[in-house]
Amino acid sequence: MAVPRVMIVCGFGLGSSMVLKMTLDDVLKEEGLKADTFCSDSYVATGEDYDIAFISQEWEELLSKNPQPLVVIHNFLSKDEIKGKLDSLRKVIEEKG
């Protein structure tokens, strides 16, 4: 079973994207979902190889030209918000399966 690559984007690929990555990894574990999560900065994000991106609203326009689905997260610490937006990721996992 192929595991989807989930890109998390912030300005420099270190601060807020790392917070979201850790929260998303916790949710994935709780939900029993497998994914390869990684952080990227806004400068190289458009050229990254990924299946779906979890981003803040500020990066939506930058990545909207790419064909991969985007999941906009407003509160990077909210497991409830992430759980509420997992349908897109589940679809990607199903397609890769």
PDB file of N, CA and C in Angstrom:
ATOM      1  N   MET A   1       0.845  -1.179   0.000  1.00  0.00           N
ATOM      2  CA  MET A   1       0.000   0.000   0.000  1.00  0.00           C
ATOM      3  C   MET A   1       0.887   1.238   0.000  1.00  0.00           C
ATOM      4  N   ALA A   2       0.687   2.107  -0.954  1.00  0.00           N
ATOM      5  CA  ALA A   2       1.460   3.338  -1.058  1.00  0.00           C
ATOM      6  C   ALA A   2       0.991   4.340  -0.005  1.00  0.00           C
ATOM      7  N   VAL A   3       1.940   5.028   0.573  1.00  0.00           N
ATOM      8  CA  VAL A   3       1.647   6.006   1.613  1.00  0.00           C
ATOM      9  C   VAL A   3       1.707   7.402   0.991  1.00  0.00           C
ATOM     10  N   PRO A   4       0.668   8.226   1.204  1.00  0.00           N
ATOM     11  CA  PRO A   4       0.683   9.559   0.615  1.00  0.00           C
ATOM     12  C   PRO A   4       1.703  10.479   1.278  1.00  0.00           C
ATOM     13  N   ARG A   5       2.241  11.387   0.482  1.00  0.00           N
ATOM     14  CA  ARG A   5       3.151  12.417   0.987  1.00  0.00           C
ATOM     15  C   ARG A   5       2.325  13.662   1.293  1.00  0.00           C
ATOM     16  N   VAL A   6       2.380  14.079   2.550  1.00  0.00           N
ATOM     17  CA  VAL A   6       1.615  15.229   3.012  1.00  0.00           C
ATOM     18  C   VAL A   6       2.587  16.363   3.313  1.00  0.00           C
ATOM     19  N   MET A   7       2.470  17.435   2.545  1.00  0.00           N
ATOM     20  CA  MET A   7       3.332  18.590   2.729  1.00  0.00           C
ATOM     21  C   MET A   7       2.648  19.612   3.635  1.00  0.00           C
ATOM     22  N   ILE A   8       3.421  20.146   4.571  1.00  0.00           N
ATOM     23  CA  ILE A   8       2.948  21.210   5.446  1.00  0.00           C
ATOM     24  C   ILE A   8       3.822  22.417   5.169  1.00  0.00           C
ATOM     25  N   VAL A   9       3.195  23.570   4.885  1.00  0.00           N
ATOM     26  CA  VAL A   9       3.937  24.736   4.413  1.00  0.00           C
ATOM     27  C   VAL A   9       3.828  25.908   5.380  1.00  0.00           C
ATOM     28  N   CYS A  10       4.967  26.573   5.571  1.00  0.00           N
ATOM     29  CA  CYS A  10       4.982  27.882   6.223  1.00  0.00           C
ATOM     30  C   CYS A  10       6.079  28.709   5.549  1.00  0.00           C
ATOM     31  N   GLY A  11       6.263  29.909   5.981  1.00  0.00           N
ATOM     32  CA  GLY A  11       7.205  30.820   5.334  1.00  0.00           C
ATOM     33  C   GLY A  11       8.615  30.279   5.217  1.00  0.00           C
ATOM     34  N   PHE A  12       9.138  29.698   6.299  1.00  0.00           N
ATOM     35  CA  PHE A  12      10.504  29.193   6.289  1.00  0.00           C
ATOM     36  C   PHE A  12      10.606  27.685   6.447  1.00  0.00           C
ATOM     37  N   GLY A  13       9.486  27.003   6.611  1.00  0.00           N
ATOM     38  CA  GLY A  13       9.489  25.549   6.724  1.00  0.00           C
ATOM     39  C   GLY A  13       9.958  25.026   8.064  1.00  0.00           C
ATOM     40  N   LEU A  14       9.969  25.873   9.078  1.00  0.00           N
ATOM     41  CA  LEU A  14      10.480  25.457  10.385  1.00  0.00           C
ATOM     42  C   LEU A  14       9.495  25.680  11.521  1.00  0.00           C
ATOM     43  N   GLY A  15       8.981  26.869  11.671  1.00  0.00           N
ATOM     44  CA  GLY A  15       8.184  27.239  12.837  1.00  0.00           C
ATOM     45  C   GLY A  15       6.787  26.677  12.849  1.00  0.00           C
ATOM     46  N   SER A  16       5.871  27.410  12.253  1.00  0.00           N
ATOM     47  CA  SER A  16       4.469  27.006  12.332  1.00  0.00           C
ATOM     48  C   SER A  16       4.207  25.695  11.588  1.00  0.00           C
ATOM     49  N   SER A  17       4.943  25.424  10.526  1.00  0.00           N
ATOM     50  CA  SER A  17       4.727  24.156   9.818  1.00  0.00           C
ATOM     51  C   SER A  17       5.121  22.969  10.700  1.00  0.00           C
ATOM     52  N   MET A  18       6.136  23.141  11.528  1.00  0.00           N
ATOM     53  CA  MET A  18       6.534  22.055  12.428  1.00  0.00           C
ATOM     54  C   MET A  18       5.467  21.819  13.496  1.00  0.00           C
ATOM     55  N   VAL A  19       4.847  22.903  13.977  1.00  0.00           N
ATOM     56  CA  VAL A  19       3.762  22.762  14.948  1.00  0.00           C
ATOM     57  C   VAL A  19       2.606  21.995  14.322  1.00  0.00           C
ATOM     58  N   LEU A  20       2.213  22.380  13.106  1.00  0.00           N
ATOM     59  CA  LEU A  20       1.120  21.685  12.420  1.00  0.00           C
ATOM     60  C   LEU A  20       1.497  20.240  12.132  1.00  0.00           C
ATOM     61  N   LYS A  21       2.733  19.989  11.727  1.00  0.00           N
ATOM     62  CA  LYS A  21       3.173  18.622  11.444  1.00  0.00           C
ATOM     63  C   LYS A  21       3.013  17.744  12.692  1.00  0.00           C
ATOM     64  N   MET A  22       3.448  18.249  13.840  1.00  0.00           N
ATOM     65  CA  MET A  22       3.347  17.463  15.070  1.00  0.00           C
ATOM     66  C   MET A  22       1.886  17.197  15.436  1.00  0.00           C
ATOM     67  N   THR A  23       1.020  18.201  15.264  1.00  0.00           N
ATOM     68  CA  THR A  23      -0.402  18.012  15.562  1.00  0.00           C
ATOM     69  C   THR A  23      -1.017  17.022  14.575  1.00  0.00           C
ATOM     70  N   LEU A  24      -0.710  17.178  13.299  1.00  0.00           N
ATOM     71  CA  LEU A  24      -1.228  16.272  12.276  1.00  0.00           C
ATOM     72  C   LEU A  24      -0.734  14.848  12.519  1.00  0.00           C
ATOM     73  N   ASP A  25       0.535  14.682  12.851  1.00  0.00           N
ATOM     74  CA  ASP A  25       1.061  13.341  13.131  1.00  0.00           C
ATOM     75  C   ASP A  25       0.312  12.692  14.291  1.00  0.00           C
ATOM     76  N   ASP A  26       0.012  13.471  15.327  1.00  0.00           N
ATOM     77  CA  ASP A  26      -0.762  12.944  16.456  1.00  0.00           C
ATOM     78  C   ASP A  26      -2.151  12.486  16.008  1.00  0.00           C
ATOM     79  N   VAL A  27      -2.812  13.304  15.183  1.00  0.00           N
ATOM     80  CA  VAL A  27      -4.153  12.967  14.696  1.00  0.00           C
ATOM     81  C   VAL A  27      -4.103  11.716  13.826  1.00  0.00           C
ATOM     82  N   LEU A  28      -3.125  11.642  12.942  1.00  0.00           N
ATOM     83  CA  LEU A  28      -2.996  10.470  12.074  1.00  0.00           C
ATOM     84  C   LEU A  28      -2.832   9.200  12.909  1.00  0.00           C
ATOM     85  N   LYS A  29      -2.017   9.275  13.941  1.00  0.00           N
ATOM     86  CA  LYS A  29      -1.813   8.121  14.815  1.00  0.00           C
ATOM     87  C   LYS A  29      -3.114   7.744  15.519  1.00  0.00           C
ATOM     88  N   GLU A  30      -3.819   8.749  16.051  1.00  0.00           N
ATOM     89  CA  GLU A  30      -5.094   8.494  16.736  1.00  0.00           C
ATOM     90  C   GLU A  30      -6.132   7.885  15.804  1.00  0.00           C
ATOM     91  N   GLU A  31      -6.125   8.303  14.548  1.00  0.00           N
ATOM     92  CA  GLU A  31      -7.105   7.827  13.567  1.00  0.00           C
ATOM     93  C   GLU A  31      -6.656   6.545  12.852  1.00  0.00           C
ATOM     94  N   GLY A  32      -5.453   6.090  13.109  1.00  0.00           N
ATOM     95  CA  GLY A  32      -4.944   4.882  12.475  1.00  0.00           C
ATOM     96  C   GLY A  32      -4.627   5.068  10.999  1.00  0.00           C
ATOM     97  N   LEU A  33      -4.236   6.281  10.613  1.00  0.00           N
ATOM     98  CA  LEU A  33      -3.919   6.585   9.219  1.00  0.00           C
ATOM     99  C   LEU A  33      -2.412   6.697   9.045  1.00  0.00           C
ATOM    100  N   LYS A  34      -1.923   6.272   7.893  1.00  0.00           N
ATOM    101  CA  LYS A  34      -0.493   6.334   7.590  1.00  0.00           C
ATOM    102  C   LYS A  34      -0.252   7.387   6.513  1.00  0.00           C
ATOM    103  N   ALA A  35       0.756   8.231   6.747  1.00  0.00           N
ATOM    104  CA  ALA A  35       1.150   9.233   5.765  1.00  0.00           C
ATOM    105  C   ALA A  35       2.577   9.662   6.061  1.00  0.00           C
ATOM    106  N   ASP A  36       3.274  10.067   5.020  1.00  0.00           N
ATOM    107  CA  ASP A  36       4.622  10.613   5.143  1.00  0.00           C
ATOM    108  C   ASP A  36       4.473  12.134   5.191  1.00  0.00           C
ATOM    109  N   THR A  37       4.569  12.720   6.375  1.00  0.00           N
ATOM    110  CA  THR A  37       4.408  14.162   6.524  1.00  0.00           C
ATOM    111  C   THR A  37       5.775  14.835   6.504  1.00  0.00           C
ATOM    112  N   PHE A  38       5.842  15.998   5.855  1.00  0.00           N
ATOM    113  CA  PHE A  38       7.093  16.750   5.817  1.00  0.00           C
ATOM    114  C   PHE A  38       6.799  18.240   5.703  1.00  0.00           C
ATOM    115  N   CYS A  39       7.736  19.030   6.193  1.00  0.00           N
ATOM    116  CA  CYS A  39       7.591  20.486   6.153  1.00  0.00           C
ATOM    117  C   CYS A  39       8.333  21.056   4.951  1.00  0.00           C
ATOM    118  N   SER A  40       7.795  22.135   4.432  1.00  0.00           N
ATOM    119  CA  SER A  40       8.435  22.830   3.330  1.00  0.00           C
ATOM    120  C   SER A  40       8.257  24.327   3.531  1.00  0.00           C
ATOM    121  N   ASP A  41       9.173  25.079   2.945  1.00  0.00           N
ATOM    122  CA  ASP A  41       9.022  26.529   3.004  1.00  0.00           C
ATOM    123  C   ASP A  41       8.290  27.018   1.763  1.00  0.00           C
ATOM    124  N   SER A  42       7.814  28.225   1.838  1.00  0.00           N
ATOM    125  CA  SER A  42       6.996  28.774   0.758  1.00  0.00           C
ATOM    126  C   SER A  42       7.767  28.941  -0.546  1.00  0.00           C
ATOM    127  N   TYR A  43       9.080  29.009  -0.483  1.00  0.00           N
ATOM    128  CA  TYR A  43       9.878  29.219  -1.694  1.00  0.00           C
ATOM    129  C   TYR A  43       9.991  27.973  -2.559  1.00  0.00           C
ATOM    130  N   VAL A  44      10.027  26.805  -1.953  1.00  0.00           N
ATOM    131  CA  VAL A  44      10.193  25.577  -2.734  1.00  0.00           C
ATOM    132  C   VAL A  44       8.920  24.723  -2.777  1.00  0.00           C
ATOM    133  N   ALA A  45       7.888  25.121  -2.054  1.00  0.00           N
ATOM    134  CA  ALA A  45       6.675  24.302  -1.935  1.00  0.00           C
ATOM    135  C   ALA A  45       6.036  23.984  -3.282  1.00  0.00           C
ATOM    136  N   THR A  46       6.013  24.926  -4.205  1.00  0.00           N
ATOM    137  CA  THR A  46       5.336  24.683  -5.483  1.00  0.00           C
ATOM    138  C   THR A  46       6.028  23.612  -6.312  1.00  0.00           C
ATOM    139  N   GLY A  47       7.300  23.351  -6.059  1.00  0.00           N
ATOM    140  CA  GLY A  47       8.028  22.345  -6.820  1.00  0.00           C
ATOM    141  C   GLY A  47       8.196  21.024  -6.092  1.00  0.00           C
ATOM    142  N   GLU A  48       7.662  20.913  -4.890  1.00  0.00           N
ATOM    143  CA  GLU A  48       7.796  19.681  -4.098  1.00  0.00           C
ATOM    144  C   GLU A  48       6.935  18.558  -4.679  1.00  0.00           C
ATOM    145  N   ASP A  49       7.344  17.328  -4.395  1.00  0.00           N
ATOM    146  CA  ASP A  49       6.583  16.138  -4.774  1.00  0.00           C
ATOM    147  C   ASP A  49       5.702  15.765  -3.582  1.00  0.00           C
ATOM    148  N   TYR A  50       4.394  15.989  -3.712  1.00  0.00           N
ATOM    149  CA  TYR A  50       3.470  15.714  -2.615  1.00  0.00           C
ATOM    150  C   TYR A  50       2.116  15.311  -3.180  1.00  0.00           C
ATOM    151  N   ASP A  51       1.306  14.687  -2.332  1.00  0.00           N
ATOM    152  CA  ASP A  51      -0.030  14.253  -2.745  1.00  0.00           C
ATOM    153  C   ASP A  51      -1.126  15.175  -2.239  1.00  0.00           C
ATOM    154  N   ILE A  52      -0.877  15.835  -1.109  1.00  0.00           N
ATOM    155  CA  ILE A  52      -1.846  16.736  -0.507  1.00  0.00           C
ATOM    156  C   ILE A  52      -1.061  17.684   0.400  1.00  0.00           C
ATOM    157  N   ALA A  53      -1.553  18.898   0.564  1.00  0.00           N
ATOM    158  CA  ALA A  53      -0.865  19.873   1.410  1.00  0.00           C
ATOM    159  C   ALA A  53      -1.798  20.388   2.490  1.00  0.00           C
ATOM    160  N   PHE A  54      -1.266  20.490   3.692  1.00  0.00           N
ATOM    161  CA  PHE A  54      -1.947  21.136   4.810  1.00  0.00           C
ATOM    162  C   PHE A  54      -1.249  22.471   5.007  1.00  0.00           C
ATOM    163  N   ILE A  55      -2.027  23.554   4.933  1.00  0.00           N
ATOM    164  CA  ILE A  55      -1.437  24.891   4.895  1.00  0.00           C
ATOM    165  C   ILE A  55      -2.278  25.881   5.695  1.00  0.00           C
ATOM    166  N   SER A  56      -1.688  27.043   5.954  1.00  0.00           N
ATOM    167  CA  SER A  56      -2.475  28.151   6.483  1.00  0.00           C
ATOM    168  C   SER A  56      -3.074  28.889   5.287  1.00  0.00           C
ATOM    169  N   GLN A  57      -4.053  29.691   5.534  1.00  0.00           N
ATOM    170  CA  GLN A  57      -4.759  30.382   4.454  1.00  0.00           C
ATOM    171  C   GLN A  57      -3.833  31.273   3.630  1.00  0.00           C
ATOM    172  N   GLU A  58      -2.793  31.800   4.233  1.00  0.00           N
ATOM    173  CA  GLU A  58      -1.894  32.702   3.516  1.00  0.00           C
ATOM    174  C   GLU A  58      -1.168  32.035   2.353  1.00  0.00           C
ATOM    175  N   TRP A  59      -1.050  30.711   2.347  1.00  0.00           N
ATOM    176  CA  TRP A  59      -0.346  30.010   1.271  1.00  0.00           C
ATOM    177  C   TRP A  59      -1.298  29.377   0.258  1.00  0.00           C
ATOM    178  N   GLU A  60      -2.580  29.562   0.448  1.00  0.00           N
ATOM    179  CA  GLU A  60      -3.565  28.951  -0.450  1.00  0.00           C
ATOM    180  C   GLU A  60      -3.404  29.452  -1.888  1.00  0.00           C
ATOM    181  N   GLU A  61      -3.251  30.733  -2.065  1.00  0.00           N
ATOM    182  CA  GLU A  61      -3.119  31.280  -3.427  1.00  0.00           C
ATOM    183  C   GLU A  61      -1.840  30.772  -4.097  1.00  0.00           C
ATOM    184  N   LEU A  62      -0.750  30.695  -3.343  1.00  0.00           N
ATOM    185  CA  LEU A  62       0.524  30.221  -3.885  1.00  0.00           C
ATOM    186  C   LEU A  62       0.410  28.808  -4.448  1.00  0.00           C
ATOM    187  N   LEU A  63      -0.288  27.935  -3.738  1.00  0.00           N
ATOM    188  CA  LEU A  63      -0.374  26.528  -4.140  1.00  0.00           C
ATOM    189  C   LEU A  63      -1.624  26.179  -4.928  1.00  0.00           C
ATOM    190  N   SER A  64      -2.517  27.114  -5.103  1.00  0.00           N
ATOM    191  CA  SER A  64      -3.784  26.817  -5.777  1.00  0.00           C
ATOM    192  C   SER A  64      -3.604  26.442  -7.246  1.00  0.00           C
ATOM    193  N   LYS A  65      -2.474  26.760  -7.830  1.00  0.00           N
ATOM    194  CA  LYS A  65      -2.221  26.420  -9.234  1.00  0.00           C
ATOM    195  C   LYS A  65      -1.780  24.959  -9.395  1.00  0.00           C
ATOM    196  N   ASN A  66      -1.333  24.346  -8.310  1.00  0.00           N
ATOM    197  CA  ASN A  66      -0.936  22.936  -8.356  1.00  0.00           C
ATOM    198  C   ASN A  66      -2.187  22.057  -8.304  1.00  0.00           C
ATOM    199  N   PRO A  67      -2.138  20.885  -8.938  1.00  0.00           N
ATOM    200  CA  PRO A  67      -3.340  20.031  -8.995  1.00  0.00           C
ATOM    201  C   PRO A  67      -3.660  19.289  -7.692  1.00  0.00           C
ATOM    202  N   GLN A  68      -2.717  19.206  -6.776  1.00  0.00           N
ATOM    203  CA  GLN A  68      -2.937  18.457  -5.548  1.00  0.00           C
ATOM    204  C   GLN A  68      -3.917  19.207  -4.640  1.00  0.00           C
ATOM    205  N   PRO A  69      -4.701  18.448  -3.873  1.00  0.00           N
ATOM    206  CA  PRO A  69      -5.653  19.084  -2.954  1.00  0.00           C
ATOM    207  C   PRO A  69      -4.944  19.839  -1.830  1.00  0.00           C
ATOM    208  N   LEU A  70      -5.610  20.900  -1.387  1.00  0.00           N
ATOM    209  CA  LEU A  70      -5.121  21.723  -0.285  1.00  0.00           C
ATOM    210  C   LEU A  70      -6.107  21.652   0.867  1.00  0.00           C
ATOM    211  N   VAL A  71      -5.587  21.578   2.071  1.00  0.00           N
ATOM    212  CA  VAL A  71      -6.411  21.610   3.273  1.00  0.00           C
ATOM    213  C   VAL A  71      -5.947  22.815   4.083  1.00  0.00           C
ATOM    214  N   VAL A  72      -6.817  23.814   4.197  1.00  0.00           N
ATOM    215  CA  VAL A  72      -6.478  25.026   4.935  1.00  0.00           C
ATOM    216  C   VAL A  72      -6.816  24.818   6.411  1.00  0.00           C
ATOM    217  N   ILE A  73      -5.820  25.031   7.254  1.00  0.00           N
ATOM    218  CA  ILE A  73      -5.972  24.883   8.694  1.00  0.00           C
ATOM    219  C   ILE A  73      -5.789  26.258   9.331  1.00  0.00           C
ATOM    220  N   HIS A  74      -6.708  26.635  10.191  1.00  0.00           N
ATOM    221  CA  HIS A  74      -6.635  27.946  10.849  1.00  0.00           C
ATOM    222  C   HIS A  74      -5.943  27.878  12.205  1.00  0.00           C
ATOM    223  N   ASN A  75      -6.160  26.802  12.944  1.00  0.00           N
ATOM    224  CA  ASN A  75      -5.555  26.651  14.262  1.00  0.00           C
ATOM    225  C   ASN A  75      -4.651  25.427  14.231  1.00  0.00           C
ATOM    226  N   PHE A  76      -3.360  25.651  14.160  1.00  0.00           N
ATOM    227  CA  PHE A  76      -2.393  24.559  13.996  1.00  0.00           C
ATOM    228  C   PHE A  76      -2.302  23.643  15.211  1.00  0.00           C
ATOM    229  N   LEU A  77      -2.877  24.031  16.317  1.00  0.00           N
ATOM    230  CA  LEU A  77      -2.859  23.205  17.517  1.00  0.00           C
ATOM    231  C   LEU A  77      -4.165  22.446  17.736  1.00  0.00           C
ATOM    232  N   SER A  78      -5.150  22.673  16.872  1.00  0.00           N
ATOM    233  CA  SER A  78      -6.474  22.091  17.062  1.00  0.00           C
ATOM    234  C   SER A  78      -6.609  20.725  16.394  1.00  0.00           C
ATOM    235  N   LYS A  79      -6.572  19.688  17.210  1.00  0.00           N
ATOM    236  CA  LYS A  79      -6.798  18.350  16.678  1.00  0.00           C
ATOM    237  C   LYS A  79      -8.216  18.225  16.135  1.00  0.00           C
ATOM    238  N   ASP A  80      -9.165  18.895  16.781  1.00  0.00           N
ATOM    239  CA  ASP A  80     -10.553  18.834  16.316  1.00  0.00           C
ATOM    240  C   ASP A  80     -10.695  19.412  14.915  1.00  0.00           C
ATOM    241  N   GLU A  81     -10.039  20.538  14.638  1.00  0.00           N
ATOM    242  CA  GLU A  81     -10.122  21.121  13.297  1.00  0.00           C
ATOM    243  C   GLU A  81      -9.508  20.181  12.271  1.00  0.00           C
ATOM    244  N   ILE A  82      -8.368  19.617  12.583  1.00  0.00           N
ATOM    245  CA  ILE A  82      -7.712  18.697  11.645  1.00  0.00           C
ATOM    246  C   ILE A  82      -8.573  17.455  11.425  1.00  0.00           C
ATOM    247  N   LYS A  83      -9.103  16.889  12.505  1.00  0.00           N
ATOM    248  CA  LYS A  83      -9.981  15.718  12.359  1.00  0.00           C
ATOM    249  C   LYS A  83     -11.187  16.038  11.487  1.00  0.00           C
ATOM    250  N   GLY A  84     -11.701  17.247  11.607  1.00  0.00           N
ATOM    251  CA  GLY A  84     -12.853  17.658  10.813  1.00  0.00           C
ATOM    252  C   GLY A  84     -12.544  17.840   9.337  1.00  0.00           C
ATOM    253  N   LYS A  85     -11.250  17.883   9.004  1.00  0.00           N
ATOM    254  CA  LYS A  85     -10.849  18.118   7.609  1.00  0.00           C
ATOM    255  C   LYS A  85     -10.050  16.952   7.030  1.00  0.00           C
ATOM    256  N   LEU A  86     -10.213  15.775   7.578  1.00  0.00           N
ATOM    257  CA  LEU A  86      -9.455  14.619   7.112  1.00  0.00           C
ATOM    258  C   LEU A  86     -10.045  13.927   5.887  1.00  0.00           C
ATOM    259  N   ASP A  87     -11.239  14.312   5.462  1.00  0.00           N
ATOM    260  CA  ASP A  87     -11.857  13.638   4.312  1.00  0.00           C
ATOM    261  C   ASP A  87     -10.976  13.701   3.069  1.00  0.00           C
ATOM    262  N   SER A  88     -10.353  14.850   2.816  1.00  0.00           N
ATOM    263  CA  SER A  88      -9.479  14.981   1.644  1.00  0.00           C
ATOM    264  C   SER A  88      -8.302  14.031   1.730  1.00  0.00           C
ATOM    265  N   LEU A  89      -7.718  13.908   2.913  1.00  0.00           N
ATOM    266  CA  LEU A  89      -6.586  13.002   3.095  1.00  0.00           C
ATOM    267  C   LEU A  89      -7.039  11.554   2.964  1.00  0.00           C
ATOM    268  N   ARG A  90      -8.177  11.218   3.528  1.00  0.00           N
ATOM    269  CA  ARG A  90      -8.693   9.841   3.399  1.00  0.00           C
ATOM    270  C   ARG A  90      -8.900   9.478   1.925  1.00  0.00           C
ATOM    271  N   LYS A  91      -9.380  10.422   1.134  1.00  0.00           N
ATOM    272  CA  LYS A  91      -9.589  10.190  -0.296  1.00  0.00           C
ATOM    273  C   LYS A  91      -8.251   9.924  -0.994  1.00  0.00           C
ATOM    274  N   VAL A  92      -7.225  10.707  -0.646  1.00  0.00           N
ATOM    275  CA  VAL A  92      -5.909  10.507  -1.228  1.00  0.00           C
ATOM    276  C   VAL A  92      -5.346   9.144  -0.832  1.00  0.00           C
ATOM    277  N   ILE A  93      -5.509   8.759   0.426  1.00  0.00           N
ATOM    278  CA  ILE A  93      -5.048   7.448   0.891  1.00  0.00           C
ATOM    279  C   ILE A  93      -5.761   6.343   0.121  1.00  0.00           C
ATOM    280  N   GLU A  94      -7.058   6.484  -0.074  1.00  0.00           N
ATOM    281  CA  GLU A  94      -7.844   5.491  -0.814  1.00  0.00           C
ATOM    282  C   GLU A  94      -7.366   5.387  -2.264  1.00  0.00           C
ATOM    283  N   GLU A  95      -7.093   6.525  -2.897  1.00  0.00           N
ATOM    284  CA  GLU A  95      -6.637   6.522  -4.297  1.00  0.00           C
ATOM    285  C   GLU A  95      -5.265   5.884  -4.433  1.00  0.00           C
ATOM    286  N   LYS A  96      -4.394   6.072  -3.456  1.00  0.00           N
ATOM    287  CA  LYS A  96      -3.040   5.509  -3.514  1.00  0.00           C
ATOM    288  C   LYS A  96      -3.030   4.031  -3.157  1.00  0.00           C
ATOM    289  N   GLY A  97      -4.080   3.592  -2.396  1.00  0.00           N
ATOM    290  CA  GLY A  97      -4.159   2.235  -1.883  1.00  0.00           C
ATOM    291  C   GLY A  97      -4.070   1.202  -2.898  1.00  0.00           C
TER     292      GLY A  97
END
